Amino acid sequence: MPATLEVKCTNDECEMDMFEMHYTYDMPDDVGVSDFQCPYCGGTDCLREIEL
């Protein structure tokens, strides 16, 4: 099963609560939340991985 990354945006001015990314087996193992930006506000330092 491909990896799933659940992410929340901690920017108080952003309306994005959380989102989930599903990516293929071809994604490098060292890819993490710091490699992405919020699809709503565009922030990068405000993203945090949701650990279940």
C-alpha atoms as a PDB file:
ATOM      1  CA  MET A   1       0.000   0.000   0.000  1.00  0.00           C
ATOM      2  CA  PRO A   2       1.444   3.410  -0.931  1.00  0.00           C
ATOM      3  CA  ALA A   3       2.303   5.796   1.868  1.00  0.00           C
ATOM      4  CA  THR A   4      -0.231   8.269   3.249  1.00  0.00           C
ATOM      5  CA  LEU A   5       0.761  11.511   4.907  1.00  0.00           C
ATOM      6  CA  GLU A   6      -1.813  13.372   7.019  1.00  0.00           C
ATOM      7  CA  VAL A   7      -0.943  17.044   7.449  1.00  0.00           C
ATOM      8  CA  LYS A   8      -2.401  20.007   9.323  1.00  0.00           C
ATOM      9  CA  CYS A   9      -1.747  23.692   8.736  1.00  0.00           C
ATOM     10  CA  THR A  10      -1.016  25.589  11.941  1.00  0.00           C
ATOM     11  CA  ASN A  11      -1.288  29.075  10.386  1.00  0.00           C
ATOM     12  CA  ASP A  12      -4.035  30.824  12.391  1.00  0.00           C
ATOM     13  CA  GLU A  13      -5.066  32.826   9.315  1.00  0.00           C
ATOM     14  CA  CYS A  14      -5.447  29.746   7.099  1.00  0.00           C
ATOM     15  CA  GLU A  15      -8.825  28.073   6.586  1.00  0.00           C
ATOM     16  CA  MET A  16      -7.264  24.659   5.832  1.00  0.00           C
ATOM     17  CA  ASP A  17      -7.818  22.332   8.775  1.00  0.00           C
ATOM     18  CA  MET A  18      -6.040  19.208   7.553  1.00  0.00           C
ATOM     19  CA  PHE A  19      -5.426  17.269   4.388  1.00  0.00           C
ATOM     20  CA  GLU A  20      -4.212  13.850   3.391  1.00  0.00           C
ATOM     21  CA  MET A  21      -1.660  13.058   0.704  1.00  0.00           C
ATOM     22  CA  HIS A  22      -1.381   9.686  -0.979  1.00  0.00           C
ATOM     23  CA  TYR A  23       1.658   9.086  -3.107  1.00  0.00           C
ATOM     24  CA  THR A  24       3.098   6.261  -5.153  1.00  0.00           C
ATOM     25  CA  TYR A  25       5.779   3.755  -4.358  1.00  0.00           C
ATOM     26  CA  ASP A  26       8.178   5.834  -6.485  1.00  0.00           C
ATOM     27  CA  MET A  27       8.346   8.650  -3.901  1.00  0.00           C
ATOM     28  CA  PRO A  28      11.809   8.734  -2.245  1.00  0.00           C
ATOM     29  CA  ASP A  29      11.888   7.435   1.337  1.00  0.00           C
ATOM     30  CA  ASP A  30      13.232  10.716   2.724  1.00  0.00           C
ATOM     31  CA  VAL A  31      10.276  12.827   1.511  1.00  0.00           C
ATOM     32  CA  GLY A  32       8.406  14.399   4.408  1.00  0.00           C
ATOM     33  CA  VAL A  33       6.034  17.186   5.323  1.00  0.00           C
ATOM     34  CA  SER A  34       8.783  19.815   4.946  1.00  0.00           C
ATOM     35  CA  ASP A  35       8.889  19.088   1.194  1.00  0.00           C
ATOM     36  CA  PHE A  36       5.342  20.389   0.637  1.00  0.00           C
ATOM     37  CA  GLN A  37       3.363  23.597   1.013  1.00  0.00           C
ATOM     38  CA  CYS A  38      -0.191  24.233   2.179  1.00  0.00           C
ATOM     39  CA  PRO A  39      -2.547  24.147  -0.821  1.00  0.00           C
ATOM     40  CA  TYR A  40      -4.633  26.956   0.697  1.00  0.00           C
ATOM     41  CA  CYS A  41      -2.236  29.567   2.149  1.00  0.00           C
ATOM     42  CA  GLY A  42       0.987  28.428   0.451  1.00  0.00           C
ATOM     43  CA  GLY A  43       2.898  28.239   3.738  1.00  0.00           C
ATOM     44  CA  THR A  44       5.625  25.687   4.298  1.00  0.00           C
ATOM     45  CA  ASP A  45       6.848  26.270   7.855  1.00  0.00           C
ATOM     46  CA  CYS A  46       3.286  25.988   9.203  1.00  0.00           C
ATOM     47  CA  LEU A  47       2.697  22.371   8.155  1.00  0.00           C
ATOM     48  CA  ARG A  48       2.845  19.594  10.736  1.00  0.00           C
ATOM     49  CA  GLU A  49       2.427  15.864  10.269  1.00  0.00           C
ATOM     50  CA  ILE A  50      -0.526  14.369  12.122  1.00  0.00           C
ATOM     51  CA  GLU A  51       0.700  11.311  14.007  1.00  0.00           C
ATOM     52  CA  LEU A  52      -1.979   8.709  14.692  1.00  0.00           C
END
